[in-house]
Amino acid sequence: MPRRVGCWAACGLAALIATVSTVLAAGSSASAATGPHSPGNQQSPPTRNIQHERNVRNIKEPRGTRPWTLDIPAIRLAVGLIKLGGPQDGADYPSLPTPPLAAAATEAGWYQFSTVPGATGNAVVVGHVDTYVGPGVFYNLYQLRKGDAIYVDEGGARQRFAVISAREMPKASFPVNQVFGGTEKHMLWLITCGGAFDYNTRHYLDNIVVAATWQKKSHLKTL
């Protein structure tokens, strides 16, 4: 899967953001996960109000004030991890923002209405694949393979995850309920754009979606 620096790719994850936000806001069918190109009108289980569930379940908040970092040795990635999401992103429902384009090569973003990495549930991290000035933090995300380690250092607590899948999929097939729904597992999802670039819409047609599972300290040989 060759990677290209898209000179018009400033919108990054815009198509995914808009469609995920629409699904969460409207509570509509998850088969319409990423917008008007979804096939058919099949009914799917209703989507969840993630912000409400976070408040009800009292998911733990990040610890400490130290900077967060994301480290993926297999692709030589070590970047800052910022918090994304807030009142400015929608009063009645959470949207899915992205890091500022000015920091596309240095920062990924943890979506604060998802689980804190290492806690029970789905933790969601998004990042740009590229911009019109060069590669973004997740430019090589597609290279990850099963078993590759991912480290998240949040507030001084280092969490290790192991990749269980790395997939490229059409945006119409984005698994909204799987990524944003409830689970008793400790999951980490890394999301960026991929596939061909549509120069008419100025969006990538696919998403790269990496799923990783948390590893208990007793299972770790070294950090």
C-alpha atoms as a PDB file:
ATOM      1  CA  MET A   1       0.000   0.000   0.000  1.00  0.00           C
ATOM      2  CA  PRO A   2       2.045   2.982  -1.157  1.00  0.00           C
ATOM      3  CA  ARG A   3       1.743   6.198   0.809  1.00  0.00           C
ATOM      4  CA  ARG A   4       1.617   9.559  -0.894  1.00  0.00           C
ATOM      5  CA  VAL A   5       1.838  13.076   0.478  1.00  0.00           C
ATOM      6  CA  GLY A   6      -1.493  14.508  -0.632  1.00  0.00           C
ATOM      7  CA  CYS A   7      -0.919  18.126  -1.520  1.00  0.00           C
ATOM      8  CA  TRP A   8      -4.642  18.813  -1.018  1.00  0.00           C
ATOM      9  CA  ALA A   9      -5.074  16.696   2.095  1.00  0.00           C
ATOM     10  CA  ALA A  10      -5.404  19.524   4.594  1.00  0.00           C
ATOM     11  CA  CYS A  11      -8.852  18.265   5.614  1.00  0.00           C
ATOM     12  CA  GLY A  12      -7.329  15.047   6.970  1.00  0.00           C
ATOM     13  CA  LEU A  13     -10.116  13.184   8.772  1.00  0.00           C
ATOM     14  CA  ALA A  14     -12.847  15.663   7.898  1.00  0.00           C
ATOM     15  CA  ALA A  15     -15.088  13.162   6.145  1.00  0.00           C
ATOM     16  CA  LEU A  16     -14.872  10.731   9.043  1.00  0.00           C
ATOM     17  CA  ILE A  17     -15.449  13.508  11.582  1.00  0.00           C
ATOM     18  CA  ALA A  18     -18.578  14.748   9.860  1.00  0.00           C
ATOM     19  CA  THR A  19     -20.144  11.355   9.439  1.00  0.00           C
ATOM     20  CA  VAL A  20     -19.345  10.027  12.907  1.00  0.00           C
ATOM     21  CA  SER A  21     -20.708  13.236  14.392  1.00  0.00           C
ATOM     22  CA  THR A  22     -23.884  12.867  12.338  1.00  0.00           C
ATOM     23  CA  VAL A  23     -24.401   9.281  13.464  1.00  0.00           C
ATOM     24  CA  LEU A  24     -23.840  10.096  17.136  1.00  0.00           C
ATOM     25  CA  ALA A  25     -26.069  13.149  17.003  1.00  0.00           C
ATOM     26  CA  ALA A  26     -28.971  11.601  15.159  1.00  0.00           C
ATOM     27  CA  GLY A  27     -28.841   8.177  16.777  1.00  0.00           C
ATOM     28  CA  SER A  28     -29.302   6.801  13.287  1.00  0.00           C
ATOM     29  CA  SER A  29     -28.373   3.417  11.812  1.00  0.00           C
ATOM     30  CA  ALA A  30     -24.749   2.445  12.312  1.00  0.00           C
ATOM     31  CA  SER A  31     -24.787   0.934   8.835  1.00  0.00           C
ATOM     32  CA  ALA A  32     -24.768   4.558   7.698  1.00  0.00           C
ATOM     33  CA  ALA A  33     -21.567   4.857   9.659  1.00  0.00           C
ATOM     34  CA  THR A  34     -19.726   7.145   7.345  1.00  0.00           C
ATOM     35  CA  GLY A  35     -22.298   8.917   5.298  1.00  0.00           C
ATOM     36  CA  PRO A  36     -24.306   8.839   2.093  1.00  0.00           C
ATOM     37  CA  HIS A  37     -22.272   6.136   0.344  1.00  0.00           C
ATOM     38  CA  SER A  38     -23.358   3.406   2.764  1.00  0.00           C
ATOM     39  CA  PRO A  39     -25.175   0.591   0.914  1.00  0.00           C
ATOM     40  CA  GLY A  40     -28.875   0.046   1.429  1.00  0.00           C
ATOM     41  CA  ASN A  41     -31.151   1.102   4.225  1.00  0.00           C
ATOM     42  CA  GLN A  42     -30.613  -1.826   6.562  1.00  0.00           C
ATOM     43  CA  GLN A  43     -31.555  -1.306  10.178  1.00  0.00           C
ATOM     44  CA  SER A  44     -28.812  -1.611  12.801  1.00  0.00           C
ATOM     45  CA  PRO A  45     -28.764  -1.386  16.589  1.00  0.00           C
ATOM     46  CA  PRO A  46     -29.120   2.222  17.791  1.00  0.00           C
ATOM     47  CA  THR A  47     -25.878   4.050  18.475  1.00  0.00           C
ATOM     48  CA  ARG A  48     -24.983   5.104  21.982  1.00  0.00           C
ATOM     49  CA  ASN A  49     -24.839   8.519  23.597  1.00  0.00           C
ATOM     50  CA  ILE A  50     -21.141   8.257  24.417  1.00  0.00           C
ATOM     51  CA  GLN A  51     -20.935  11.415  26.510  1.00  0.00           C
ATOM     52  CA  HIS A  52     -23.928  10.358  28.635  1.00  0.00           C
ATOM     53  CA  GLU A  53     -22.543   6.840  29.149  1.00  0.00           C
ATOM     54  CA  ARG A  54     -19.173   8.278  30.173  1.00  0.00           C
ATOM     55  CA  ASN A  55     -20.848  10.351  32.877  1.00  0.00           C
ATOM     56  CA  VAL A  56     -23.077   7.515  34.084  1.00  0.00           C
ATOM     57  CA  ARG A  57     -20.265   4.938  34.199  1.00  0.00           C
ATOM     58  CA  ASN A  58     -17.901   7.460  35.834  1.00  0.00           C
ATOM     59  CA  ILE A  59     -14.954   6.473  33.672  1.00  0.00           C
ATOM     60  CA  LYS A  60     -11.746   7.524  35.399  1.00  0.00           C
ATOM     61  CA  GLU A  61     -10.156  10.787  34.360  1.00  0.00           C
ATOM     62  CA  PRO A  62      -6.496  11.062  33.280  1.00  0.00           C
ATOM     63  CA  ARG A  63      -3.971  11.155  36.084  1.00  0.00           C
ATOM     64  CA  GLY A  64      -1.556  13.944  36.834  1.00  0.00           C
ATOM     65  CA  THR A  65      -0.474  16.912  34.766  1.00  0.00           C
ATOM     66  CA  ARG A  66       2.545  15.447  32.960  1.00  0.00           C
ATOM     67  CA  PRO A  67       2.448  15.474  29.151  1.00  0.00           C
ATOM     68  CA  TRP A  68       0.965  12.424  27.469  1.00  0.00           C
ATOM     69  CA  THR A  69       2.953  10.554  24.853  1.00  0.00           C
ATOM     70  CA  LEU A  70       2.321   7.877  22.244  1.00  0.00           C
ATOM     71  CA  ASP A  71       5.199   5.550  21.314  1.00  0.00           C
ATOM     72  CA  ILE A  72       5.070   2.901  18.567  1.00  0.00           C
ATOM     73  CA  PRO A  73       8.578   1.452  18.088  1.00  0.00           C
ATOM     74  CA  ALA A  74       7.678  -0.651  15.021  1.00  0.00           C
ATOM     75  CA  ILE A  75       7.118   2.507  12.950  1.00  0.00           C
ATOM     76  CA  ARG A  76       9.579   4.691  14.889  1.00  0.00           C
ATOM     77  CA  LEU A  77       6.831   6.941  16.162  1.00  0.00           C
ATOM     78  CA  ALA A  78       7.157   8.949  19.371  1.00  0.00           C
ATOM     79  CA  VAL A  79       4.817  11.933  19.627  1.00  0.00           C
ATOM     80  CA  GLY A  80       2.812  13.975  22.057  1.00  0.00           C
ATOM     81  CA  LEU A  81      -0.778  13.022  22.817  1.00  0.00           C
ATOM     82  CA  ILE A  82      -3.247  15.838  23.394  1.00  0.00           C
ATOM     83  CA  LYS A  83      -6.826  15.797  24.661  1.00  0.00           C
ATOM     84  CA  LEU A  84      -9.538  16.307  22.050  1.00  0.00           C
ATOM     85  CA  GLY A  85     -13.194  17.147  22.478  1.00  0.00           C
ATOM     86  CA  GLY A  86     -15.082  19.645  24.590  1.00  0.00           C
ATOM     87  CA  PRO A  87     -18.091  21.963  24.733  1.00  0.00           C
ATOM     88  CA  GLN A  88     -16.995  23.753  21.595  1.00  0.00           C
ATOM     89  CA  ASP A  89     -17.395  20.472  19.701  1.00  0.00           C
ATOM     90  CA  GLY A  90     -21.122  20.235  20.364  1.00  0.00           C
ATOM     91  CA  ALA A  91     -23.310  20.924  23.376  1.00  0.00           C
ATOM     92  CA  ASP A  92     -25.700  18.026  22.891  1.00  0.00           C
ATOM     93  CA  TYR A  93     -23.408  15.316  21.524  1.00  0.00           C
ATOM     94  CA  PRO A  94     -19.711  14.609  21.134  1.00  0.00           C
ATOM     95  CA  SER A  95     -18.087  15.110  17.774  1.00  0.00           C
ATOM     96  CA  LEU A  96     -14.747  13.672  16.698  1.00  0.00           C
ATOM     97  CA  PRO A  97     -12.198  16.488  16.354  1.00  0.00           C
ATOM     98  CA  THR A  98      -8.581  16.132  15.245  1.00  0.00           C
ATOM     99  CA  PRO A  99      -5.305  17.727  16.328  1.00  0.00           C
ATOM    100  CA  PRO A 100      -4.470  21.100  14.766  1.00  0.00           C
ATOM    101  CA  LEU A 101      -2.959  20.822  11.295  1.00  0.00           C
ATOM    102  CA  ALA A 102      -0.005  22.892  12.490  1.00  0.00           C
ATOM    103  CA  ALA A 103       0.863  19.982  14.804  1.00  0.00           C
ATOM    104  CA  ALA A 104      -0.007  17.206  12.337  1.00  0.00           C
ATOM    105  CA  ALA A 105       3.567  15.857  12.381  1.00  0.00           C
ATOM    106  CA  THR A 106       4.106  16.065  16.149  1.00  0.00           C
ATOM    107  CA  GLU A 107       0.837  15.304  17.945  1.00  0.00           C
ATOM    108  CA  ALA A 108      -1.936  12.724  17.943  1.00  0.00           C
ATOM    109  CA  GLY A 109      -5.120  13.226  19.920  1.00  0.00           C
ATOM    110  CA  TRP A 110      -6.976  11.159  22.535  1.00  0.00           C
ATOM    111  CA  TYR A 111     -10.741  11.636  22.271  1.00  0.00           C
ATOM    112  CA  GLN A 112     -11.773  12.556  25.812  1.00  0.00           C
ATOM    113  CA  PHE A 113     -15.276  11.081  25.497  1.00  0.00           C
ATOM    114  CA  SER A 114     -13.728   7.663  25.033  1.00  0.00           C
ATOM    115  CA  THR A 115     -12.071   5.573  27.741  1.00  0.00           C
ATOM    116  CA  VAL A 116      -8.713   6.565  29.186  1.00  0.00           C
ATOM    117  CA  PRO A 117      -6.089   4.192  27.691  1.00  0.00           C
ATOM    118  CA  GLY A 118      -5.740   1.160  29.930  1.00  0.00           C
ATOM    119  CA  ALA A 119      -9.208   1.399  31.492  1.00  0.00           C
ATOM    120  CA  THR A 120     -12.130  -0.840  30.585  1.00  0.00           C
ATOM    121  CA  GLY A 121     -13.712   0.227  27.310  1.00  0.00           C
ATOM    122  CA  ASN A 122     -12.659   1.732  23.999  1.00  0.00           C
ATOM    123  CA  ALA A 123      -9.932   4.393  24.007  1.00  0.00           C
ATOM    124  CA  VAL A 124      -9.818   6.308  20.715  1.00  0.00           C
ATOM    125  CA  VAL A 125      -6.765   8.125  19.315  1.00  0.00           C
ATOM    126  CA  VAL A 126      -6.852  10.001  16.011  1.00  0.00           C
ATOM    127  CA  GLY A 127      -4.107  11.595  13.949  1.00  0.00           C
ATOM    128  CA  HIS A 128      -3.455  13.048  10.516  1.00  0.00           C
ATOM    129  CA  VAL A 129      -1.951  10.911   7.773  1.00  0.00           C
ATOM    130  CA  ASP A 130      -0.529  13.946   5.968  1.00  0.00           C
ATOM    131  CA  THR A 131      -1.091  17.570   4.991  1.00  0.00           C
ATOM    132  CA  TYR A 132      -0.102  19.617   1.970  1.00  0.00           C
ATOM    133  CA  VAL A 133       3.276  20.306   3.608  1.00  0.00           C
ATOM    134  CA  GLY A 134       4.304  16.754   4.525  1.00  0.00           C
ATOM    135  CA  PRO A 135       3.558  13.522   6.391  1.00  0.00           C
ATOM    136  CA  GLY A 136       1.436  13.437   9.544  1.00  0.00           C
ATOM    137  CA  VAL A 137       1.983  11.379  12.692  1.00  0.00           C
ATOM    138  CA  PHE A 138       0.056   8.383  11.327  1.00  0.00           C
ATOM    139  CA  TYR A 139       1.636   8.369   7.868  1.00  0.00           C
ATOM    140  CA  ASN A 140       3.046   4.861   8.454  1.00  0.00           C
ATOM    141  CA  LEU A 141       0.207   3.500  10.572  1.00  0.00           C
ATOM    142  CA  TYR A 142      -0.715   1.028   7.832  1.00  0.00           C
ATOM    143  CA  GLN A 143       2.612  -0.794   8.413  1.00  0.00           C
ATOM    144  CA  LEU A 144       1.611  -2.097  11.857  1.00  0.00           C
ATOM    145  CA  ARG A 145       1.236  -5.849  12.225  1.00  0.00           C
ATOM    146  CA  LYS A 146      -0.337  -8.143  14.797  1.00  0.00           C
ATOM    147  CA  GLY A 147       1.693  -8.202  17.989  1.00  0.00           C
ATOM    148  CA  ASP A 148       3.405  -4.829  17.524  1.00  0.00           C
ATOM    149  CA  ALA A 149       3.651  -2.862  20.773  1.00  0.00           C
ATOM    150  CA  ILE A 150       1.994   0.495  21.389  1.00  0.00           C
ATOM    151  CA  TYR A 151       2.820   2.515  24.511  1.00  0.00           C
ATOM    152  CA  VAL A 152       0.721   5.301  25.987  1.00  0.00           C
ATOM    153  CA  ASP A 153       2.220   7.322  28.826  1.00  0.00           C
ATOM    154  CA  GLU A 154      -0.553   9.300  30.516  1.00  0.00           C
ATOM    155  CA  GLY A 155       0.251  11.344  33.588  1.00  0.00           C
ATOM    156  CA  GLY A 156       3.307   9.210  34.341  1.00  0.00           C
ATOM    157  CA  ALA A 157       1.445   5.877  34.047  1.00  0.00           C
ATOM    158  CA  ARG A 158       2.840   3.799  31.174  1.00  0.00           C
ATOM    159  CA  GLN A 159       0.354   1.508  29.453  1.00  0.00           C
ATOM    160  CA  ARG A 160       1.291  -1.143  26.899  1.00  0.00           C
ATOM    161  CA  PHE A 161      -0.981  -2.435  24.153  1.00  0.00           C
ATOM    162  CA  ALA A 162      -0.474  -5.102  21.492  1.00  0.00           C
ATOM    163  CA  VAL A 163      -1.876  -4.706  17.983  1.00  0.00           C
ATOM    164  CA  ILE A 164      -4.532  -7.283  17.123  1.00  0.00           C
ATOM    165  CA  SER A 165      -5.510  -5.910  13.707  1.00  0.00           C
ATOM    166  CA  ALA A 166      -4.626  -3.165  11.229  1.00  0.00           C
ATOM    167  CA  ARG A 167      -7.177  -2.677   8.477  1.00  0.00           C
ATOM    168  CA  GLU A 168      -7.836  -0.356   5.579  1.00  0.00           C
ATOM    169  CA  MET A 169     -11.540   0.011   4.892  1.00  0.00           C
ATOM    170  CA  PRO A 170     -13.877   2.277   2.922  1.00  0.00           C
ATOM    171  CA  LYS A 171     -15.222   5.099   5.047  1.00  0.00           C
ATOM    172  CA  ALA A 172     -18.709   3.746   4.388  1.00  0.00           C
ATOM    173  CA  SER A 173     -17.677   0.620   6.319  1.00  0.00           C
ATOM    174  CA  PHE A 174     -16.229   2.371   9.370  1.00  0.00           C
ATOM    175  CA  PRO A 175     -17.235   0.253  12.440  1.00  0.00           C
ATOM    176  CA  VAL A 176     -18.820   2.988  14.540  1.00  0.00           C
ATOM    177  CA  ASN A 177     -20.459   0.698  17.096  1.00  0.00           C
ATOM    178  CA  GLN A 178     -17.325  -1.392  17.530  1.00  0.00           C
ATOM    179  CA  VAL A 179     -15.048   1.608  18.038  1.00  0.00           C
ATOM    180  CA  PHE A 180     -17.381   3.817  20.081  1.00  0.00           C
ATOM    181  CA  GLY A 181     -19.704   1.274  21.701  1.00  0.00           C
ATOM    182  CA  GLY A 182     -19.436  -0.401  25.062  1.00  0.00           C
ATOM    183  CA  THR A 183     -17.074  -3.281  25.834  1.00  0.00           C
ATOM    184  CA  GLU A 184     -15.654  -5.031  28.869  1.00  0.00           C
ATOM    185  CA  LYS A 185     -12.276  -5.275  27.162  1.00  0.00           C
ATOM    186  CA  HIS A 186      -9.424  -2.752  27.448  1.00  0.00           C
ATOM    187  CA  MET A 187      -9.149  -1.555  23.850  1.00  0.00           C
ATOM    188  CA  LEU A 188      -7.123   1.102  22.046  1.00  0.00           C
ATOM    189  CA  TRP A 189      -8.115   2.284  18.558  1.00  0.00           C
ATOM    190  CA  LEU A 190      -5.833   4.343  16.307  1.00  0.00           C
ATOM    191  CA  ILE A 191      -7.578   6.023  13.373  1.00  0.00           C
ATOM    192  CA  THR A 192      -6.405   7.964  10.340  1.00  0.00           C
ATOM    193  CA  CYS A 193      -7.166   8.300   6.642  1.00  0.00           C
ATOM    194  CA  GLY A 194      -5.933   6.016   3.872  1.00  0.00           C
ATOM    195  CA  GLY A 195      -6.514   4.646   0.410  1.00  0.00           C
ATOM    196  CA  ALA A 196      -6.961   6.749  -2.702  1.00  0.00           C
ATOM    197  CA  PHE A 197      -7.315  10.512  -2.547  1.00  0.00           C
ATOM    198  CA  ASP A 198     -10.344  12.100  -4.232  1.00  0.00           C
ATOM    199  CA  TYR A 199      -9.182  15.382  -5.731  1.00  0.00           C
ATOM    200  CA  ASN A 200     -12.777  16.512  -6.253  1.00  0.00           C
ATOM    201  CA  THR A 201     -13.860  16.201  -2.616  1.00  0.00           C
ATOM    202  CA  ARG A 202     -10.304  16.612  -1.239  1.00  0.00           C
ATOM    203  CA  HIS A 203     -10.781  13.637   1.060  1.00  0.00           C
ATOM    204  CA  TYR A 204      -9.267  10.190   1.285  1.00  0.00           C
ATOM    205  CA  LEU A 205     -11.724   7.418   0.467  1.00  0.00           C
ATOM    206  CA  ASP A 206     -10.645   4.965   3.172  1.00  0.00           C
ATOM    207  CA  ASN A 207      -9.678   4.808   6.825  1.00  0.00           C
ATOM    208  CA  ILE A 208      -6.777   3.003   8.429  1.00  0.00           C
ATOM    209  CA  VAL A 209      -8.110   1.486  11.662  1.00  0.00           C
ATOM    210  CA  VAL A 210      -5.753  -0.189  14.134  1.00  0.00           C
ATOM    211  CA  ALA A 211      -7.139  -2.161  17.071  1.00  0.00           C
ATOM    212  CA  ALA A 212      -4.927  -2.985  20.053  1.00  0.00           C
ATOM    213  CA  THR A 213      -5.556  -4.666  23.381  1.00  0.00           C
ATOM    214  CA  TRP A 214      -4.098  -3.718  26.744  1.00  0.00           C
ATOM    215  CA  GLN A 215      -1.488  -5.985  28.287  1.00  0.00           C
ATOM    216  CA  LYS A 216      -1.398  -6.492  32.027  1.00  0.00           C
ATOM    217  CA  LYS A 217       1.908  -5.742  33.687  1.00  0.00           C
ATOM    218  CA  SER A 218       2.225  -9.362  34.735  1.00  0.00           C
ATOM    219  CA  HIS A 219       2.340 -10.264  31.049  1.00  0.00           C
ATOM    220  CA  LEU A 220       5.115  -7.818  30.211  1.00  0.00           C
ATOM    221  CA  LYS A 221       8.711  -8.914  30.008  1.00  0.00           C
ATOM    222  CA  THR A 222      10.164  -5.447  29.573  1.00  0.00           C
ATOM    223  CA  LEU A 223       8.989  -1.905  28.932  1.00  0.00           C
END
